[in-house]
Amino acid sequence: MLPICRLLSLIIACALLASNSAAPAAAPPNIIVFLADDLGWGDLGCYGHPVIQTPHLDAFARQGVRLTQCYSASGVCSPSRSAILTGRTPYRTGVFNWIAEGSEVHLRRSEITAPKLLQKAGYSTCHSGKWHLNGLFNDPRQPQPGDHGYDWWLATQNNAAPSHANPTNFVRNGKPVGKVADYSAPYVVKEAITWLKEGRDKTKPFFLAVWTHEPHYPIAAAPQFKARYPLLADSVQREHHANVTQMDDAFGQLMHALDELQLAQDTFVMFTADNGPEGDGVKTPGRGSTGGLRGRKRAVYEGGIRVPGIVRWPDHVKAGGLSAVPVVGSDIFPTVCALAKVPLPADRVIDGGNFLAALEGKPVERARPLYWRCPIAPGDFRTAMRMGDWKVVADEPLTKFQLFNIARDEHEQKDLAGEEPAKLAEMRAALKKLNTEIEAEGPDWWRKAPAPAPKVKGKKAAPKG
């Protein structure tokens, strides 16, 4: 029998060996959310566009997972953005529509945002680009990007004005920038790269939001990108397609900077858009593509809410992957929290679910169905909900309904309401219950008439949102 002192020594040695051999906890990754504006589901080469050149995003898709059923949380701008930051259906937060300049509507201080949580958890945070989450931009009467968790921010209230060329309305950390001798997307990406190189605390992981204005109207593309489309006789179409290429090129610059700074391996990057394409796609300034899906911006049909979604995370996400699992903008918040190992707020409803499983083709666990509502949607049908493969579309008072099976009919051509009465009854009851719950929680700003389209000095009225 071993002497007691020798036995104790052996126990201590084994404990030390076990402690030293244990793998260290993985550090939380850096996180980038890159958001395009009014980019249609069919506007990228990797999503099948036959003309628009997007070589950088096409390469990015080959390096990660391309989501074929990625949705924005609304058919219009501001609500989608609020859902990305909070994980909550827009009507809960009160950001129910695009926010006009001077409006009382804003993302309230009481909302808990992803950058705010990550900032408290030790992340360095930055926003560069379009904001559009308050009516009183750069005004202390409403919260600004810095109040929602960003250490550093460069932003505009809504669109780059007077256009993407030489905009004059950027504000950096509360101070107006003045006229910019650049185009919007490359400018906001240069700001992000400068922050990565010089502005962030390099002892911390980072959360970076880059929200471009491209390809939102009024569009302006640099000559070198328009030169890539010499066969397009329609100057409006050429400007739009070049504008998407301009955004793609800026995205490529950011990815190159990650490589240069040796950050790519440890950075989770998501690229997506805020809603479907503007206009009719044929004659009006918006020439984006829905890839054949029904409806466009402001609609709750697939073309208004289904958007590109691509995720890259080396060594964690399989390169060249494809996922048809439905994912929505409100899923970004809980996913970011999971990546940063930050618990979700327990004092409020979080509608989104962690979508990391979807990157492996597995369902997203969510407590509530996917839900959309757009008060300025064209036509009668302005509310929608999806459960599994089934989607119900309803008018604003929830009295008229359409029913579609998205797996069999993604173009929503066949209304099954008359053929599937039991399924319609189930979906209708679930939608009414969810809609009542959501309306009861948020402020009632939505009861007021939507604001008119904003005016752009020296030009015709710009499209809403």
Protein backbone atom coordinates (compact mmCIF):
# COMPACT_ATOMS: atom_id res chain seq x y z
CA MET A 1 0.00 0.00 0.00
CA LEU A 2 1.31 3.44 -0.97
CA PRO A 3 2.22 5.85 1.82
CA ILE A 4 -0.43 8.54 2.23
CA CYS A 5 1.94 11.39 1.25
CA ARG A 6 2.92 9.59 -1.99
CA LEU A 7 -0.74 8.88 -2.78
CA LEU A 8 -1.63 12.55 -2.34
CA SER A 9 1.26 13.55 -4.61
CA LEU A 10 0.00 11.22 -7.32
CA ILE A 11 -3.55 12.61 -7.05
CA ILE A 12 -2.27 16.20 -7.31
CA ALA A 13 -0.05 15.33 -10.28
CA CYS A 14 -2.94 13.66 -12.12
CA ALA A 15 -5.16 16.65 -11.46
CA LEU A 16 -2.52 19.04 -12.80
CA LEU A 17 -1.97 16.85 -15.87
CA ALA A 18 -5.69 16.75 -16.59
CA SER A 19 -5.94 20.51 -16.14
CA ASN A 20 -3.01 21.21 -18.47
CA SER A 21 -4.21 18.80 -21.16
CA ALA A 22 -7.74 20.20 -21.32
CA ALA A 23 -8.32 22.08 -24.57
CA PRO A 24 -8.65 25.82 -24.04
CA ALA A 25 -12.11 27.29 -24.63
CA ALA A 26 -12.47 28.55 -28.18
CA ALA A 27 -12.35 32.33 -28.42
CA PRO A 28 -15.55 33.92 -29.75
CA PRO A 29 -15.25 34.85 -33.44
CA ASN A 30 -15.25 38.27 -35.01
CA ILE A 31 -18.59 38.99 -36.70
CA ILE A 32 -19.47 41.01 -39.82
CA VAL A 33 -23.01 41.64 -41.10
CA PHE A 34 -22.90 43.14 -44.60
CA LEU A 35 -26.31 44.43 -45.72
CA ALA A 36 -27.20 45.57 -49.26
CA ASP A 37 -30.21 47.83 -49.92
CA ASP A 38 -33.04 46.80 -52.32
CA LEU A 39 -31.01 43.89 -53.69
CA GLY A 40 -33.25 41.29 -55.31
CA TRP A 41 -33.03 37.55 -54.73
CA GLY A 42 -31.93 37.12 -58.35
CA ASP A 43 -29.48 40.02 -58.57
CA LEU A 44 -26.19 38.15 -58.04
CA GLY A 45 -24.35 35.89 -60.43
CA CYS A 46 -24.34 33.09 -57.84
CA TYR A 47 -28.15 33.39 -57.66
CA GLY A 48 -28.50 33.03 -61.40
CA HIS A 49 -28.49 36.54 -62.86
CA PRO A 50 -27.39 36.20 -66.49
CA VAL A 51 -25.89 39.69 -66.87
CA ILE A 52 -24.93 41.34 -63.56
CA GLN A 53 -21.28 40.77 -62.68
CA THR A 54 -20.64 39.97 -59.01
CA PRO A 55 -17.30 38.09 -59.02
CA HIS A 56 -16.44 38.79 -55.38
CA LEU A 57 -19.75 37.60 -53.97
CA ASP A 58 -19.72 34.62 -56.31
CA ALA A 59 -16.29 33.67 -54.93
CA PHE A 60 -17.53 34.30 -51.38
CA ALA A 61 -20.45 31.90 -51.98
CA ARG A 62 -17.99 29.20 -53.06
CA GLN A 63 -16.14 29.70 -49.77
CA GLY A 64 -19.25 29.37 -47.59
CA VAL A 65 -22.93 28.42 -47.61
CA ARG A 66 -25.50 29.98 -49.92
CA LEU A 67 -29.01 30.17 -48.47
CA THR A 68 -31.75 29.71 -51.08
CA GLN A 69 -34.63 30.57 -48.73
CA CYS A 70 -33.23 33.57 -46.88
CA TYR A 71 -35.82 36.22 -45.97
CA SER A 72 -35.76 39.80 -44.84
CA ALA A 73 -38.05 40.52 -41.88
CA SER A 74 -40.09 43.01 -43.94
CA GLY A 75 -40.75 44.06 -47.51
CA VAL A 76 -39.32 47.51 -46.76
CA CYS A 77 -36.17 48.99 -45.26
CA SER A 78 -36.33 50.21 -41.63
CA PRO A 79 -38.33 47.28 -40.20
CA SER A 80 -35.86 44.79 -41.66
CA ARG A 81 -32.98 46.61 -40.01
CA SER A 82 -34.68 46.73 -36.63
CA ALA A 83 -35.21 42.96 -36.74
CA ILE A 84 -31.55 42.29 -37.57
CA LEU A 85 -30.45 44.25 -34.50
CA THR A 86 -33.08 43.02 -32.04
CA GLY A 87 -34.26 39.59 -33.19
CA ARG A 88 -37.83 40.84 -32.88
CA THR A 89 -40.66 41.15 -35.38
CA PRO A 90 -40.72 44.85 -36.38
CA TYR A 91 -44.18 45.66 -35.02
CA ARG A 92 -42.97 44.68 -31.54
CA THR A 93 -40.26 47.32 -31.68
CA GLY A 94 -42.48 49.99 -33.24
CA VAL A 95 -40.37 50.19 -36.41
CA PHE A 96 -43.21 49.09 -38.66
CA ASN A 97 -42.47 51.01 -41.87
CA TRP A 98 -39.71 53.00 -43.56
CA ILE A 99 -38.88 55.98 -41.32
CA ALA A 100 -39.30 59.44 -42.85
CA GLU A 101 -36.91 62.21 -41.85
CA GLY A 102 -38.38 64.08 -38.87
CA SER A 103 -40.64 61.19 -37.83
CA GLU A 104 -41.26 60.30 -34.19
CA VAL A 105 -40.65 56.64 -35.07
CA HIS A 106 -37.31 55.24 -33.96
CA LEU A 107 -35.65 52.15 -32.52
CA ARG A 108 -36.30 52.85 -28.87
CA ARG A 109 -33.70 52.84 -26.11
CA SER A 110 -35.66 50.09 -24.39
CA GLU A 111 -34.80 47.66 -27.20
CA ILE A 112 -31.77 45.45 -26.64
CA THR A 113 -29.53 45.27 -29.70
CA ALA A 114 -26.85 42.79 -30.69
CA PRO A 115 -24.03 45.40 -30.72
CA LYS A 116 -25.11 46.57 -27.26
CA LEU A 117 -24.92 43.05 -25.85
CA LEU A 118 -21.64 42.29 -27.58
CA GLN A 119 -20.15 45.59 -26.46
CA LYS A 120 -20.89 44.63 -22.85
CA ALA A 121 -19.40 41.18 -23.49
CA GLY A 122 -16.07 42.69 -24.54
CA TYR A 123 -16.47 43.19 -28.28
CA SER A 124 -15.24 46.25 -30.16
CA THR A 125 -18.14 47.49 -32.34
CA CYS A 126 -18.57 49.59 -35.49
CA HIS A 127 -21.36 50.59 -37.88
CA SER A 128 -20.58 52.00 -41.33
CA GLY A 129 -23.28 52.93 -43.84
CA LYS A 130 -27.03 53.45 -43.94
CA TRP A 131 -28.79 53.58 -40.55
CA HIS A 132 -32.49 54.42 -41.12
CA LEU A 133 -33.62 53.56 -37.61
CA ASN A 134 -34.77 56.99 -36.46
CA GLY A 135 -36.57 60.04 -37.81
CA LEU A 136 -34.46 62.55 -35.86
CA PHE A 137 -31.04 61.53 -37.09
CA ASN A 138 -28.05 62.89 -35.19
CA ASP A 139 -30.44 64.50 -32.71
CA PRO A 140 -30.24 63.78 -28.95
CA ARG A 141 -34.03 63.54 -28.72
CA GLN A 142 -33.79 60.04 -30.23
CA PRO A 143 -31.14 57.31 -29.85
CA GLN A 144 -28.37 57.22 -32.45
CA PRO A 145 -26.08 54.34 -33.50
CA GLY A 146 -23.79 55.01 -30.56
CA ASP A 147 -26.70 54.68 -28.14
CA HIS A 148 -27.44 51.23 -29.56
CA GLY A 149 -23.99 49.82 -28.90
CA TYR A 150 -21.56 51.09 -31.51
CA ASP A 151 -18.17 52.37 -30.34
CA TRP A 152 -17.61 53.97 -33.75
CA TRP A 153 -20.16 54.87 -36.40
CA LEU A 154 -20.47 56.50 -39.80
CA ALA A 155 -24.03 56.77 -41.08
CA THR A 156 -26.81 58.51 -42.97
CA GLN A 157 -30.42 58.78 -41.85
CA ASN A 158 -31.76 57.10 -45.01
CA ASN A 159 -30.38 57.26 -48.54
CA ALA A 160 -27.05 58.65 -49.65
CA ALA A 161 -27.93 62.14 -50.91
CA PRO A 162 -28.14 63.49 -53.46
CA SER A 163 -27.14 60.04 -54.76
CA HIS A 164 -24.41 57.43 -54.36
CA ALA A 165 -21.99 59.82 -56.10
CA ASN A 166 -20.31 62.37 -53.84
CA PRO A 167 -22.90 62.17 -51.01
CA THR A 168 -23.13 65.09 -48.60
CA ASN A 169 -25.15 63.66 -45.69
CA PHE A 170 -22.80 61.32 -43.83
CA VAL A 171 -22.25 61.80 -40.10
CA ARG A 172 -19.33 60.30 -38.19
CA ASN A 173 -19.77 59.87 -34.43
CA GLY A 174 -22.15 62.83 -34.30
CA LYS A 175 -20.18 65.18 -36.56
CA PRO A 176 -21.26 65.89 -40.18
CA VAL A 177 -18.62 64.78 -42.68
CA GLY A 178 -19.52 67.16 -45.54
CA LYS A 179 -19.25 66.30 -49.21
CA VAL A 180 -17.52 62.99 -49.90
CA ALA A 181 -15.37 62.66 -53.01
CA ASP A 182 -16.31 59.03 -53.57
CA TYR A 183 -19.21 56.68 -54.20
CA SER A 184 -21.22 55.37 -51.27
CA ALA A 185 -20.34 51.65 -51.12
CA PRO A 186 -16.56 52.05 -51.51
CA TYR A 187 -16.67 54.93 -49.04
CA VAL A 188 -18.42 53.01 -46.26
CA VAL A 189 -16.16 50.01 -46.85
CA LYS A 190 -13.03 52.19 -46.66
CA GLU A 191 -14.33 53.50 -43.32
CA ALA A 192 -14.79 49.94 -42.09
CA ILE A 193 -11.30 48.94 -43.24
CA THR A 194 -9.73 51.99 -41.59
CA TRP A 195 -11.51 51.07 -38.36
CA LEU A 196 -10.26 47.49 -38.60
CA LYS A 197 -6.70 48.71 -39.11
CA GLU A 198 -6.59 51.71 -36.80
CA GLY A 199 -9.76 52.26 -34.79
CA ARG A 200 -10.72 49.07 -33.01
CA ASP A 201 -9.33 47.66 -29.80
CA LYS A 202 -7.22 44.83 -31.21
CA THR A 203 -7.24 42.99 -27.88
CA LYS A 204 -10.97 42.32 -28.37
CA PRO A 205 -13.06 40.45 -30.92
CA PHE A 206 -15.11 42.77 -33.11
CA PHE A 207 -18.66 43.19 -34.40
CA LEU A 208 -18.86 45.17 -37.65
CA ALA A 209 -22.01 46.21 -39.52
CA VAL A 210 -21.50 47.44 -43.10
CA TRP A 211 -24.82 48.57 -44.56
CA THR A 212 -24.45 49.91 -48.10
CA HIS A 213 -26.96 52.14 -49.91
CA GLU A 214 -26.47 50.25 -53.16
CA PRO A 215 -28.54 49.49 -55.19
CA HIS A 216 -31.25 51.76 -53.69
CA TYR A 217 -32.51 54.55 -55.95
CA PRO A 218 -31.32 57.29 -56.72
CA ILE A 219 -28.54 55.17 -58.17
CA ALA A 220 -25.12 56.36 -59.28
CA ALA A 221 -22.32 54.06 -60.39
CA ALA A 222 -18.70 54.90 -61.12
CA PRO A 223 -17.62 54.94 -64.81
CA GLN A 224 -15.38 51.88 -64.45
CA PHE A 225 -18.36 49.75 -63.44
CA LYS A 226 -20.66 51.08 -66.14
CA ALA A 227 -17.90 50.27 -68.65
CA ARG A 228 -18.40 46.59 -67.85
CA TYR A 229 -21.82 46.65 -69.55
CA PRO A 230 -21.12 48.00 -73.06
CA LEU A 231 -23.91 45.95 -74.66
CA LEU A 232 -26.71 47.40 -72.53
CA ALA A 233 -28.46 50.10 -74.54
CA ASP A 234 -30.81 51.02 -71.69
CA SER A 235 -28.87 53.58 -69.62
CA VAL A 236 -31.07 53.03 -66.53
CA GLN A 237 -30.47 49.30 -66.64
CA ARG A 238 -26.74 49.84 -67.16
CA GLU A 239 -26.58 52.19 -64.17
CA HIS A 240 -28.40 49.68 -61.94
CA HIS A 241 -26.33 46.68 -62.94
CA ALA A 242 -23.12 48.68 -62.59
CA ASN A 243 -24.31 49.80 -59.16
CA VAL A 244 -24.64 46.20 -57.99
CA THR A 245 -21.15 45.52 -59.36
CA GLN A 246 -19.91 48.60 -57.47
CA MET A 247 -21.31 47.14 -54.25
CA ASP A 248 -19.76 43.76 -55.07
CA ASP A 249 -16.38 45.38 -55.64
CA ALA A 250 -16.59 47.17 -52.27
CA PHE A 251 -17.46 43.86 -50.61
CA GLY A 252 -14.40 42.33 -52.24
CA GLN A 253 -12.22 45.12 -50.83
CA LEU A 254 -13.46 44.30 -47.32
CA MET A 255 -12.79 40.58 -47.76
CA HIS A 256 -9.30 41.38 -49.09
CA ALA A 257 -8.65 43.51 -46.00
CA LEU A 258 -9.60 40.57 -43.76
CA ASP A 259 -7.02 38.45 -45.60
CA GLU A 260 -4.40 41.17 -45.40
CA LEU A 261 -4.97 41.58 -41.65
CA GLN A 262 -5.04 37.79 -41.15
CA LEU A 263 -8.55 38.02 -39.73
CA ALA A 264 -10.51 35.94 -42.25
CA GLN A 265 -9.99 32.62 -40.47
CA ASP A 266 -11.51 33.90 -37.22
CA THR A 267 -14.36 35.94 -38.69
CA PHE A 268 -17.99 34.94 -39.26
CA VAL A 269 -19.30 36.96 -42.23
CA MET A 270 -22.91 37.16 -43.39
CA PHE A 271 -24.02 38.93 -46.56
CA THR A 272 -27.72 39.65 -47.10
CA ALA A 273 -30.21 42.40 -48.08
CA ASP A 274 -33.02 44.36 -46.46
CA ASN A 275 -35.85 43.59 -48.93
CA GLY A 276 -36.64 42.82 -52.55
CA PRO A 277 -35.92 45.06 -55.56
CA GLU A 278 -37.50 48.47 -56.23
CA GLY A 279 -39.80 49.32 -59.14
CA ASP A 280 -41.26 47.09 -61.82
CA GLY A 281 -37.92 45.80 -63.08
CA VAL A 282 -38.67 46.92 -66.64
CA LYS A 283 -39.36 50.64 -66.98
CA THR A 284 -38.90 52.26 -63.58
CA PRO A 285 -35.45 53.07 -62.11
CA GLY A 286 -35.33 49.87 -60.06
CA ARG A 287 -34.11 47.14 -62.42
CA GLY A 288 -33.37 44.46 -59.85
CA SER A 289 -34.44 40.84 -60.29
CA THR A 290 -36.55 38.64 -58.03
CA GLY A 291 -35.38 35.57 -59.93
CA GLY A 292 -38.94 35.08 -61.13
CA LEU A 293 -40.56 35.20 -57.70
CA ARG A 294 -43.91 36.95 -57.27
CA GLY A 295 -43.97 40.56 -56.02
CA ARG A 296 -41.24 43.09 -55.38
CA LYS A 297 -40.24 45.56 -52.64
CA ARG A 298 -43.11 46.32 -50.19
CA ALA A 299 -44.85 43.04 -51.04
CA VAL A 300 -45.18 40.13 -48.63
CA TYR A 301 -45.02 37.68 -51.53
CA GLU A 302 -41.67 35.92 -52.02
CA GLY A 303 -40.20 38.53 -54.39
CA GLY A 304 -40.59 41.26 -51.78
CA ILE A 305 -39.02 39.39 -48.88
CA ARG A 306 -36.77 36.61 -50.19
CA VAL A 307 -33.22 37.94 -50.50
CA PRO A 308 -29.68 36.66 -51.01
CA GLY A 309 -28.03 35.17 -47.94
CA ILE A 310 -24.44 33.90 -47.85
CA VAL A 311 -22.38 32.91 -44.81
CA ARG A 312 -18.66 32.19 -44.55
CA TRP A 313 -16.91 30.95 -41.42
CA PRO A 314 -13.72 29.01 -42.20
CA ASP A 315 -13.33 25.62 -40.47
CA HIS A 316 -16.90 25.86 -39.18
CA VAL A 317 -19.03 26.21 -42.32
CA LYS A 318 -18.53 23.86 -45.24
CA ALA A 319 -17.25 25.65 -48.33
CA GLY A 320 -19.53 25.47 -51.35
CA GLY A 321 -22.54 24.55 -49.24
CA LEU A 322 -26.17 25.08 -50.16
CA SER A 323 -29.09 25.27 -47.74
CA ALA A 324 -32.83 25.48 -48.49
CA VAL A 325 -33.76 25.85 -44.81
CA PRO A 326 -35.83 29.04 -44.27
CA VAL A 327 -33.89 31.76 -42.43
CA VAL A 328 -35.14 35.30 -41.67
CA GLY A 329 -33.48 38.59 -40.70
CA SER A 330 -34.63 38.33 -37.09
CA ASP A 331 -32.56 35.12 -36.82
CA ILE A 332 -29.35 37.15 -37.07
CA PHE A 333 -29.66 38.52 -33.51
CA PRO A 334 -29.85 35.14 -31.70
CA THR A 335 -27.21 33.69 -34.01
CA VAL A 336 -24.80 36.53 -33.24
CA CYS A 337 -25.47 36.08 -29.53
CA ALA A 338 -24.76 32.35 -29.81
CA LEU A 339 -21.49 33.04 -31.63
CA ALA A 340 -20.43 35.51 -28.94
CA LYS A 341 -21.62 33.18 -26.15
CA VAL A 342 -24.00 35.87 -24.88
CA PRO A 343 -27.31 34.76 -23.31
CA LEU A 344 -30.48 36.01 -24.97
CA PRO A 345 -32.55 38.58 -23.04
CA ALA A 346 -35.07 36.78 -20.85
CA ASP A 347 -37.43 39.71 -20.32
CA ARG A 348 -38.89 39.94 -23.86
CA VAL A 349 -40.02 37.93 -26.85
CA ILE A 350 -37.26 37.06 -29.30
CA ASP A 351 -38.93 35.95 -32.52
CA GLY A 352 -35.80 34.80 -34.31
CA GLY A 353 -33.91 31.55 -33.86
CA ASN A 354 -30.23 30.64 -33.99
CA PHE A 355 -29.70 29.71 -37.65
CA LEU A 356 -26.32 27.97 -37.34
CA ALA A 357 -28.08 24.61 -37.78
CA ALA A 358 -29.46 25.81 -41.13
CA LEU A 359 -25.90 26.10 -42.42
CA GLU A 360 -25.77 22.30 -42.15
CA GLY A 361 -29.21 21.88 -43.72
CA LYS A 362 -30.98 21.34 -40.39
CA PRO A 363 -34.18 23.14 -39.29
CA VAL A 364 -33.98 26.31 -37.20
CA GLU A 365 -35.58 25.93 -33.79
CA ARG A 366 -38.01 28.81 -33.36
CA ALA A 367 -40.82 29.51 -30.90
CA ARG A 368 -42.94 31.45 -33.40
CA PRO A 369 -43.60 31.14 -37.12
CA LEU A 370 -42.05 33.42 -39.72
CA TYR A 371 -44.21 36.55 -39.97
CA TRP A 372 -44.26 39.60 -42.24
CA ARG A 373 -46.39 42.72 -42.37
CA CYS A 374 -45.96 45.69 -44.67
CA PRO A 375 -48.56 48.49 -44.37
CA ILE A 376 -47.71 49.97 -47.77
CA ALA A 377 -47.73 46.68 -49.66
CA PRO A 378 -49.24 46.96 -53.15
CA GLY A 379 -52.75 45.53 -53.39
CA ASP A 380 -54.89 44.14 -50.59
CA PHE A 381 -52.58 41.48 -49.18
CA ARG A 382 -50.14 42.95 -46.66
CA THR A 383 -49.54 40.30 -43.99
CA ALA A 384 -48.00 36.83 -44.28
CA MET A 385 -46.92 33.92 -42.12
CA ARG A 386 -45.01 30.75 -42.94
CA MET A 387 -45.12 27.45 -41.05
CA GLY A 388 -43.08 24.65 -42.60
CA ASP A 389 -43.77 24.64 -46.33
CA TRP A 390 -47.09 26.47 -45.93
CA LYS A 391 -47.54 30.20 -46.26
CA VAL A 392 -50.70 32.22 -45.66
CA VAL A 393 -51.06 35.73 -47.10
CA ALA A 394 -53.76 38.05 -45.76
CA ASP A 395 -55.15 41.54 -46.11
CA GLU A 396 -54.54 44.13 -43.36
CA PRO A 397 -57.80 43.46 -41.41
CA LEU A 398 -57.20 39.69 -41.72
CA THR A 399 -60.48 38.99 -43.52
CA LYS A 400 -59.19 37.72 -46.89
CA PHE A 401 -56.63 34.93 -47.18
CA GLN A 402 -54.51 33.12 -49.74
CA LEU A 403 -52.69 29.85 -49.13
CA PHE A 404 -49.54 28.60 -50.84
CA ASN A 405 -47.24 25.61 -50.52
CA ILE A 406 -43.80 27.15 -51.05
CA ALA A 407 -42.03 23.82 -51.50
CA ARG A 408 -44.22 22.99 -54.49
CA ASP A 409 -44.95 26.51 -55.70
CA GLU A 410 -42.30 29.04 -54.76
CA HIS A 411 -43.68 31.44 -57.37
CA GLU A 412 -47.02 31.52 -55.51
CA GLN A 413 -49.06 30.96 -58.64
CA LYS A 414 -51.67 28.57 -57.22
CA ASP A 415 -53.83 29.73 -54.30
CA LEU A 416 -54.81 26.58 -52.39
CA ALA A 417 -57.26 28.25 -50.00
CA GLY A 418 -60.25 26.56 -51.65
CA GLU A 419 -58.60 23.14 -51.95
CA GLU A 420 -57.13 22.94 -48.44
CA PRO A 421 -59.81 24.26 -46.05
CA ALA A 422 -58.40 22.48 -42.98
CA LYS A 423 -54.88 23.80 -43.55
CA LEU A 424 -56.25 27.28 -44.27
CA ALA A 425 -58.24 27.25 -41.02
CA GLU A 426 -55.13 26.20 -39.07
CA MET A 427 -52.94 28.86 -40.65
CA ARG A 428 -55.59 31.57 -40.34
CA ALA A 429 -56.08 30.89 -36.62
CA ALA A 430 -52.33 30.87 -35.98
CA LEU A 431 -51.83 34.12 -37.90
CA LYS A 432 -54.61 35.93 -36.04
CA LYS A 433 -53.26 34.78 -32.68
CA LEU A 434 -49.70 35.86 -33.50
CA ASN A 435 -50.82 39.17 -35.00
CA THR A 436 -52.83 40.03 -31.86
CA GLU A 437 -49.86 39.23 -29.63
CA ILE A 438 -47.49 41.39 -31.68
CA GLU A 439 -49.86 44.37 -31.87
CA ALA A 440 -50.42 44.29 -28.11
CA GLU A 441 -46.71 44.61 -27.35
CA GLY A 442 -45.45 47.42 -29.58
CA PRO A 443 -46.27 51.15 -29.66
CA ASP A 444 -49.23 52.12 -31.82
CA TRP A 445 -47.37 54.40 -34.23
CA TRP A 446 -48.52 52.02 -36.96
CA ARG A 447 -52.13 53.18 -36.56
CA LYS A 448 -51.20 56.49 -38.17
CA ALA A 449 -51.11 56.94 -41.94
CA PRO A 450 -47.74 56.03 -43.55
CA ALA A 451 -45.50 58.98 -44.32
CA PRO A 452 -45.29 60.24 -47.91
CA ALA A 453 -42.29 59.44 -50.07
CA PRO A 454 -39.20 61.49 -49.17
CA LYS A 455 -38.08 64.24 -51.54
CA VAL A 456 -34.59 64.35 -52.96
CA LYS A 457 -33.41 67.86 -53.79
CA GLY A 458 -33.08 68.45 -57.50
CA LYS A 459 -34.69 65.15 -58.41
CA LYS A 460 -38.07 63.49 -58.56
CA ALA A 461 -39.42 61.94 -55.40
CA ALA A 462 -37.30 58.98 -54.40
CA PRO A 463 -38.96 55.64 -53.71
CA LYS A 464 -40.07 55.01 -50.14
CA GLY A 465 -37.66 53.17 -47.91
